[in-house]
PDB file of N, CA and C in Angstrom:
ATOM      1  N   MET A   1     -48.224  -0.780   2.915  1.00  0.00           N
ATOM      2  CA  MET A   1     -48.822  -2.487   3.290  1.00  0.00           C
ATOM      3  C   MET A   1     -49.530  -2.846   1.812  1.00  0.00           C
ATOM      4  N   GLU A   2     -49.328  -3.917   2.189  1.00  0.00           N
ATOM      5  CA  GLU A   2     -49.931  -4.575   1.302  1.00  0.00           C
ATOM      6  C   GLU A   2     -51.226  -4.960   0.695  1.00  0.00           C
ATOM      7  N   LYS A   3     -51.869  -4.906  -0.366  1.00  0.00           N
ATOM      8  CA  LYS A   3     -53.142  -4.819  -0.874  1.00  0.00           C
ATOM      9  C   LYS A   3     -53.946  -5.823  -0.083  1.00  0.00           C
ATOM     10  N   GLY A   4     -55.137  -5.279   0.222  1.00  0.00           N
ATOM     11  CA  GLY A   4     -56.063  -6.508   1.007  1.00  0.00           C
ATOM     12  C   GLY A   4     -56.144  -6.520   2.375  1.00  0.00           C
ATOM     13  N   TRP A   5     -55.046  -5.492   3.266  1.00  0.00           N
ATOM     14  CA  TRP A   5     -54.670  -5.083   4.684  1.00  0.00           C
ATOM     15  C   TRP A   5     -55.385  -3.523   4.727  1.00  0.00           C
ATOM     16  N   VAL A   6     -56.106  -3.641   5.878  1.00  0.00           N
ATOM     17  CA  VAL A   6     -56.612  -2.342   6.336  1.00  0.00           C
ATOM     18  C   VAL A   6     -56.304  -2.109   8.221  1.00  0.00           C
ATOM     19  N   GLU A   7     -56.016  -0.717   8.173  1.00  0.00           N
ATOM     20  CA  GLU A   7     -55.627  -0.247   9.422  1.00  0.00           C
ATOM     21  C   GLU A   7     -56.751  -0.113  10.325  1.00  0.00           C
ATOM     22  N   ILE A   8     -56.744  -0.870  11.515  1.00  0.00           N
ATOM     23  CA  ILE A   8     -57.771  -0.882  12.608  1.00  0.00           C
ATOM     24  C   ILE A   8     -57.594  -0.518  13.609  1.00  0.00           C
ATOM     25  N   TYR A   9     -56.469   0.146  13.989  1.00  0.00           N
ATOM     26  CA  TYR A   9     -56.241   0.561  15.047  1.00  0.00           C
ATOM     27  C   TYR A   9     -54.898   1.385  15.114  1.00  0.00           C
ATOM     28  N   SER A  10     -54.461   2.658  16.238  1.00  0.00           N
ATOM     29  CA  SER A  10     -53.571   3.319  15.780  1.00  0.00           C
ATOM     30  C   SER A  10     -53.466   3.860  16.941  1.00  0.00           C
ATOM     31  N   THR A  11     -52.087   4.238  17.252  1.00  0.00           N
ATOM     32  CA  THR A  11     -51.751   4.683  18.691  1.00  0.00           C
ATOM     33  C   THR A  11     -50.074   5.268  18.818  1.00  0.00           C
ATOM     34  N   ALA A  12     -50.185   6.040  19.639  1.00  0.00           N
ATOM     35  CA  ALA A  12     -48.424   6.887  19.419  1.00  0.00           C
ATOM     36  C   ALA A  12     -47.943   5.895  20.436  1.00  0.00           C
ATOM     37  N   HIS A  13     -48.226   4.815  20.907  1.00  0.00           N
ATOM     38  CA  HIS A  13     -47.665   3.998  21.898  1.00  0.00           C
ATOM     39  C   HIS A  13     -47.278   2.746  21.606  1.00  0.00           C
ATOM     40  N   GLU A  14     -46.172   2.544  21.549  1.00  0.00           N
ATOM     41  CA  GLU A  14     -45.682   1.201  21.110  1.00  0.00           C
ATOM     42  C   GLU A  14     -46.572   0.060  22.227  1.00  0.00           C
ATOM     43  N   TYR A  15     -46.578  -0.228  23.495  1.00  0.00           N
ATOM     44  CA  TYR A  15     -47.222  -1.051  23.815  1.00  0.00           C
ATOM     45  C   TYR A  15     -48.255  -1.349  23.473  1.00  0.00           C
ATOM     46  N   LYS A  16     -49.357  -0.403  23.105  1.00  0.00           N
ATOM     47  CA  LYS A  16     -50.847  -0.689  23.103  1.00  0.00           C
ATOM     48  C   LYS A  16     -50.891  -1.134  21.859  1.00  0.00           C
ATOM     49  N   ALA A  17     -50.224  -0.559  20.857  1.00  0.00           N
ATOM     50  CA  ALA A  17     -49.977  -1.213  19.474  1.00  0.00           C
ATOM     51  C   ALA A  17     -49.420  -2.929  19.728  1.00  0.00           C
ATOM     52  N   LEU A  18     -48.701  -3.374  20.151  1.00  0.00           N
ATOM     53  CA  LEU A  18     -48.436  -4.528  20.812  1.00  0.00           C
ATOM     54  C   LEU A  18     -49.657  -5.339  21.334  1.00  0.00           C
ATOM     55  N   MET A  19     -50.271  -4.613  22.566  1.00  0.00           N
ATOM     56  CA  MET A  19     -51.438  -5.213  22.912  1.00  0.00           C
ATOM     57  C   MET A  19     -52.539  -5.639  21.883  1.00  0.00           C
ATOM     58  N   ALA A  20     -52.615  -4.845  21.078  1.00  0.00           N
ATOM     59  CA  ALA A  20     -53.501  -4.764  20.078  1.00  0.00           C
ATOM     60  C   ALA A  20     -53.193  -6.053  19.190  1.00  0.00           C
ATOM     61  N   LYS A  21     -52.340  -6.301  18.750  1.00  0.00           N
ATOM     62  CA  LYS A  21     -51.940  -7.185  17.910  1.00  0.00           C
ATOM     63  C   LYS A  21     -51.987  -8.558  18.885  1.00  0.00           C
ATOM     64  N   ASP A  22     -51.556  -8.632  19.697  1.00  0.00           N
ATOM     65  CA  ASP A  22     -51.649  -9.842  20.767  1.00  0.00           C
ATOM     66  C   ASP A  22     -53.083  -9.893  21.117  1.00  0.00           C
ATOM     67  N   LEU A  23     -53.779  -9.420  21.296  1.00  0.00           N
ATOM     68  CA  LEU A  23     -55.336  -9.754  21.312  1.00  0.00           C
ATOM     69  C   LEU A  23     -55.853 -10.140  20.233  1.00  0.00           C
ATOM     70  N   LEU A  24     -55.410  -9.536  19.317  1.00  0.00           N
ATOM     71  CA  LEU A  24     -56.193 -10.275  17.716  1.00  0.00           C
ATOM     72  C   LEU A  24     -55.480 -11.740  17.211  1.00  0.00           C
ATOM     73  N   GLU A  25     -54.081 -11.806  17.697  1.00  0.00           N
ATOM     74  CA  GLU A  25     -53.797 -13.147  17.203  1.00  0.00           C
ATOM     75  C   GLU A  25     -54.387 -14.225  18.426  1.00  0.00           C
ATOM     76  N   ASN A  26     -54.410 -13.988  19.570  1.00  0.00           N
ATOM     77  CA  ASN A  26     -55.078 -14.761  20.380  1.00  0.00           C
ATOM     78  C   ASN A  26     -56.273 -15.125  20.067  1.00  0.00           C
ATOM     79  N   GLU A  27     -56.725 -14.503  19.243  1.00  0.00           N
ATOM     80  CA  GLU A  27     -58.278 -14.512  18.754  1.00  0.00           C
ATOM     81  C   GLU A  27     -58.369 -15.252  17.349  1.00  0.00           C
ATOM     82  N   GLY A  28     -56.893 -15.681  16.891  1.00  0.00           N
ATOM     83  CA  GLY A  28     -56.509 -16.363  15.439  1.00  0.00           C
ATOM     84  C   GLY A  28     -56.853 -15.185  14.211  1.00  0.00           C
ATOM     85  N   ILE A  29     -56.465 -14.005  14.514  1.00  0.00           N
ATOM     86  CA  ILE A  29     -56.280 -12.786  13.451  1.00  0.00           C
ATOM     87  C   ILE A  29     -54.990 -12.624  13.300  1.00  0.00           C
ATOM     88  N   LYS A  30     -54.091 -12.674  12.392  1.00  0.00           N
ATOM     89  CA  LYS A  30     -53.169 -12.366  11.810  1.00  0.00           C
ATOM     90  C   LYS A  30     -53.177 -10.832  11.656  1.00  0.00           C
ATOM     91  N   ALA A  31     -52.649 -10.385  12.843  1.00  0.00           N
ATOM     92  CA  ALA A  31     -52.239  -9.233  12.259  1.00  0.00           C
ATOM     93  C   ALA A  31     -50.494  -8.060  12.474  1.00  0.00           C
ATOM     94  N   VAL A  32     -50.462  -7.157  11.835  1.00  0.00           N
ATOM     95  CA  VAL A  32     -49.200  -6.904  11.562  1.00  0.00           C
ATOM     96  C   VAL A  32     -49.156  -5.047  12.115  1.00  0.00           C
ATOM     97  N   VAL A  33     -48.008  -5.079  12.791  1.00  0.00           N
ATOM     98  CA  VAL A  33     -47.884  -3.378  13.289  1.00  0.00           C
ATOM     99  C   VAL A  33     -46.853  -2.822  12.510  1.00  0.00           C
ATOM    100  N   LEU A  34     -47.225  -1.822  11.983  1.00  0.00           N
ATOM    101  CA  LEU A  34     -46.605  -1.041  11.298  1.00  0.00           C
ATOM    102  C   LEU A  34     -46.215   0.399  12.110  1.00  0.00           C
ATOM    103  N   ASN A  35     -44.719   0.608  12.247  1.00  0.00           N
ATOM    104  CA  ASN A  35     -44.228   1.621  13.028  1.00  0.00           C
ATOM    105  C   ASN A  35     -44.031   3.011  11.572  1.00  0.00           C
ATOM    106  N   GLN A  36     -44.703   3.885  12.251  1.00  0.00           N
ATOM    107  CA  GLN A  36     -44.498   5.058  11.020  1.00  0.00           C
ATOM    108  C   GLN A  36     -44.012   6.458  12.047  1.00  0.00           C
ATOM    109  N   HIS A  37     -43.350   6.124  12.950  1.00  0.00           N
ATOM    110  CA  HIS A  37     -42.746   7.130  13.837  1.00  0.00           C
ATOM    111  C   HIS A  37     -41.804   7.750  13.207  1.00  0.00           C
ATOM    112  N   ASP A  38     -41.638   9.085  13.442  1.00  0.00           N
ATOM    113  CA  ASP A  38     -40.198   9.509  12.444  1.00  0.00           C
ATOM    114  C   ASP A  38     -39.132   9.203  12.988  1.00  0.00           C
ATOM    115  N   SER A  39     -38.234   9.075  11.930  1.00  0.00           N
ATOM    116  CA  SER A  39     -37.160   8.367  12.173  1.00  0.00           C
ATOM    117  C   SER A  39     -36.144   9.173  13.022  1.00  0.00           C
ATOM    118  N   ALA A  40     -36.299  10.352  13.046  1.00  0.00           N
ATOM    119  CA  ALA A  40     -35.155  11.181  14.103  1.00  0.00           C
ATOM    120  C   ALA A  40     -36.119  11.856  15.126  1.00  0.00           C
ATOM    121  N   TYR A  41     -37.257  11.878  15.158  1.00  0.00           N
ATOM    122  CA  TYR A  41     -38.056  12.370  16.221  1.00  0.00           C
ATOM    123  C   TYR A  41     -39.048  11.203  16.679  1.00  0.00           C
ATOM    124  N   THR A  42     -38.820  10.392  17.463  1.00  0.00           N
ATOM    125  CA  THR A  42     -39.345   9.414  17.564  1.00  0.00           C
ATOM    126  C   THR A  42     -40.878   9.164  18.402  1.00  0.00           C
ATOM    127  N   THR A  43     -41.231  10.458  18.943  1.00  0.00           N
ATOM    128  CA  THR A  43     -42.158  11.051  19.751  1.00  0.00           C
ATOM    129  C   THR A  43     -43.174  11.391  18.884  1.00  0.00           C
ATOM    130  N   PHE A  44     -42.937  11.434  17.362  1.00  0.00           N
ATOM    131  CA  PHE A  44     -43.784  11.720  16.373  1.00  0.00           C
ATOM    132  C   PHE A  44     -44.181  10.684  15.653  1.00  0.00           C
ATOM    133  N   GLY A  45     -45.657  10.738  15.667  1.00  0.00           N
ATOM    134  CA  GLY A  45     -46.089   9.745  14.649  1.00  0.00           C
ATOM    135  C   GLY A  45     -46.626   8.623  15.084  1.00  0.00           C
ATOM    136  N   GLU A  46     -47.260   7.408  14.466  1.00  0.00           N
ATOM    137  CA  GLU A  46     -48.120   6.838  14.941  1.00  0.00           C
ATOM    138  C   GLU A  46     -47.571   5.066  14.610  1.00  0.00           C
ATOM    139  N   LEU A  47     -48.240   4.089  15.340  1.00  0.00           N
ATOM    140  CA  LEU A  47     -48.244   2.883  15.111  1.00  0.00           C
ATOM    141  C   LEU A  47     -49.303   2.093  15.061  1.00  0.00           C
ATOM    142  N   GLY A  48     -49.575   1.833  13.280  1.00  0.00           N
ATOM    143  CA  GLY A  48     -50.820   0.949  12.724  1.00  0.00           C
ATOM    144  C   GLY A  48     -50.963  -0.533  13.245  1.00  0.00           C
ATOM    145  N   VAL A  49     -52.060  -0.852  13.371  1.00  0.00           N
ATOM    146  CA  VAL A  49     -52.269  -2.098  13.481  1.00  0.00           C
ATOM    147  C   VAL A  49     -52.916  -2.529  12.135  1.00  0.00           C
ATOM    148  N   PHE A  50     -52.448  -3.326  11.380  1.00  0.00           N
ATOM    149  CA  PHE A  50     -53.431  -3.807  10.263  1.00  0.00           C
ATOM    150  C   PHE A  50     -53.676  -5.250  10.207  1.00  0.00           C
ATOM    151  N   VAL A  51     -54.530  -5.629   9.599  1.00  0.00           N
ATOM    152  CA  VAL A  51     -55.303  -7.124   9.576  1.00  0.00           C
ATOM    153  C   VAL A  51     -55.920  -7.047   7.947  1.00  0.00           C
ATOM    154  N   ASP A  52     -55.989  -8.661   7.505  1.00  0.00           N
ATOM    155  CA  ASP A  52     -56.546  -8.973   6.424  1.00  0.00           C
ATOM    156  C   ASP A  52     -57.865  -8.324   6.228  1.00  0.00           C
ATOM    157  N   GLU A  53     -58.376  -7.578   5.369  1.00  0.00           N
ATOM    158  CA  GLU A  53     -60.028  -7.181   5.147  1.00  0.00           C
ATOM    159  C   GLU A  53     -60.843  -8.085   5.410  1.00  0.00           C
ATOM    160  N   ALA A  54     -60.942  -9.367   5.012  1.00  0.00           N
ATOM    161  CA  ALA A  54     -61.760 -10.250   5.850  1.00  0.00           C
ATOM    162  C   ALA A  54     -62.026 -10.383   7.189  1.00  0.00           C
ATOM    163  N   ASN A  55     -61.011  -9.774   8.002  1.00  0.00           N
ATOM    164  CA  ASN A  55     -61.002 -10.057   9.476  1.00  0.00           C
ATOM    165  C   ASN A  55     -61.571  -8.667  10.134  1.00  0.00           C
ATOM    166  N   LYS A  56     -61.580  -7.639   9.156  1.00  0.00           N
ATOM    167  CA  LYS A  56     -61.725  -6.120  10.008  1.00  0.00           C
ATOM    168  C   LYS A  56     -62.907  -6.043  10.494  1.00  0.00           C
ATOM    169  N   THR A  57     -64.147  -6.540  10.526  1.00  0.00           N
ATOM    170  CA  THR A  57     -65.456  -6.181  11.420  1.00  0.00           C
ATOM    171  C   THR A  57     -64.896  -6.971  12.858  1.00  0.00           C
ATOM    172  N   LYS A  58     -64.748  -8.126  12.811  1.00  0.00           N
ATOM    173  CA  LYS A  58     -64.022  -8.891  14.077  1.00  0.00           C
ATOM    174  C   LYS A  58     -63.304  -8.125  14.878  1.00  0.00           C
ATOM    175  N   ALA A  59     -62.085  -8.106  13.693  1.00  0.00           N
ATOM    176  CA  ALA A  59     -60.925  -7.558  14.793  1.00  0.00           C
ATOM    177  C   ALA A  59     -61.384  -5.591  15.268  1.00  0.00           C
ATOM    178  N   VAL A  60     -62.318  -4.969  14.779  1.00  0.00           N
ATOM    179  CA  VAL A  60     -62.742  -3.769  15.204  1.00  0.00           C
ATOM    180  C   VAL A  60     -63.662  -4.172  16.659  1.00  0.00           C
ATOM    181  N   GLU A  61     -64.099  -5.157  16.331  1.00  0.00           N
ATOM    182  CA  GLU A  61     -64.761  -5.696  17.675  1.00  0.00           C
ATOM    183  C   GLU A  61     -64.285  -5.740  18.874  1.00  0.00           C
ATOM    184  N   LEU A  62     -63.606  -6.727  18.296  1.00  0.00           N
ATOM    185  CA  LEU A  62     -62.562  -6.968  19.291  1.00  0.00           C
ATOM    186  C   LEU A  62     -61.476  -5.701  20.238  1.00  0.00           C
ATOM    187  N   LEU A  63     -60.918  -4.816  19.391  1.00  0.00           N
ATOM    188  CA  LEU A  63     -60.639  -3.778  20.122  1.00  0.00           C
ATOM    189  C   LEU A  63     -61.076  -2.760  20.612  1.00  0.00           C
ATOM    190  N   LYS A  64     -62.680  -2.737  20.000  1.00  0.00           N
ATOM    191  CA  LYS A  64     -63.381  -1.608  20.746  1.00  0.00           C
ATOM    192  C   LYS A  64     -63.569  -0.680  21.750  1.00  0.00           C
ATOM    193  N   ASN A  65     -62.866  -1.681  22.973  1.00  0.00           N
ATOM    194  CA  ASN A  65     -62.617  -1.153  24.344  1.00  0.00           C
ATOM    195  C   ASN A  65     -61.432  -0.689  24.586  1.00  0.00           C
ATOM    196  N   LEU A  66     -59.940  -1.163  23.632  1.00  0.00           N
ATOM    197  CA  LEU A  66     -58.869  -0.626  23.865  1.00  0.00           C
ATOM    198  C   LEU A  66     -58.815   1.119  23.546  1.00  0.00           C
ATOM    199  N   LYS A  67     -58.223   1.619  24.357  1.00  0.00           N
ATOM    200  CA  LYS A  67     -58.202   3.052  24.264  1.00  0.00           C
ATOM    201  C   LYS A  67     -56.674   3.518  23.254  1.00  0.00           C
ATOM    202  N   HIS A  68     -56.964   4.340  22.531  1.00  0.00           N
ATOM    203  CA  HIS A  68     -55.969   4.888  21.236  1.00  0.00           C
ATOM    204  C   HIS A  68     -55.032   5.619  22.631  1.00  0.00           C
TER     205      HIS A  68
END
């Protein structure tokens, strides 16, 4: 991930990562989902949601009720 971006949410479920991304983008925060699943065994690994460091506090607050 590029410098200045921080992971604020991670999950093993793609739909949850996409929900988090959509929620953030609806609030004007650019978010990126990074798929870290193992390529051979897609049930292993996490998907991370990243935002710019400047938006970290607001993004964490928005996602605090979203279960991992």
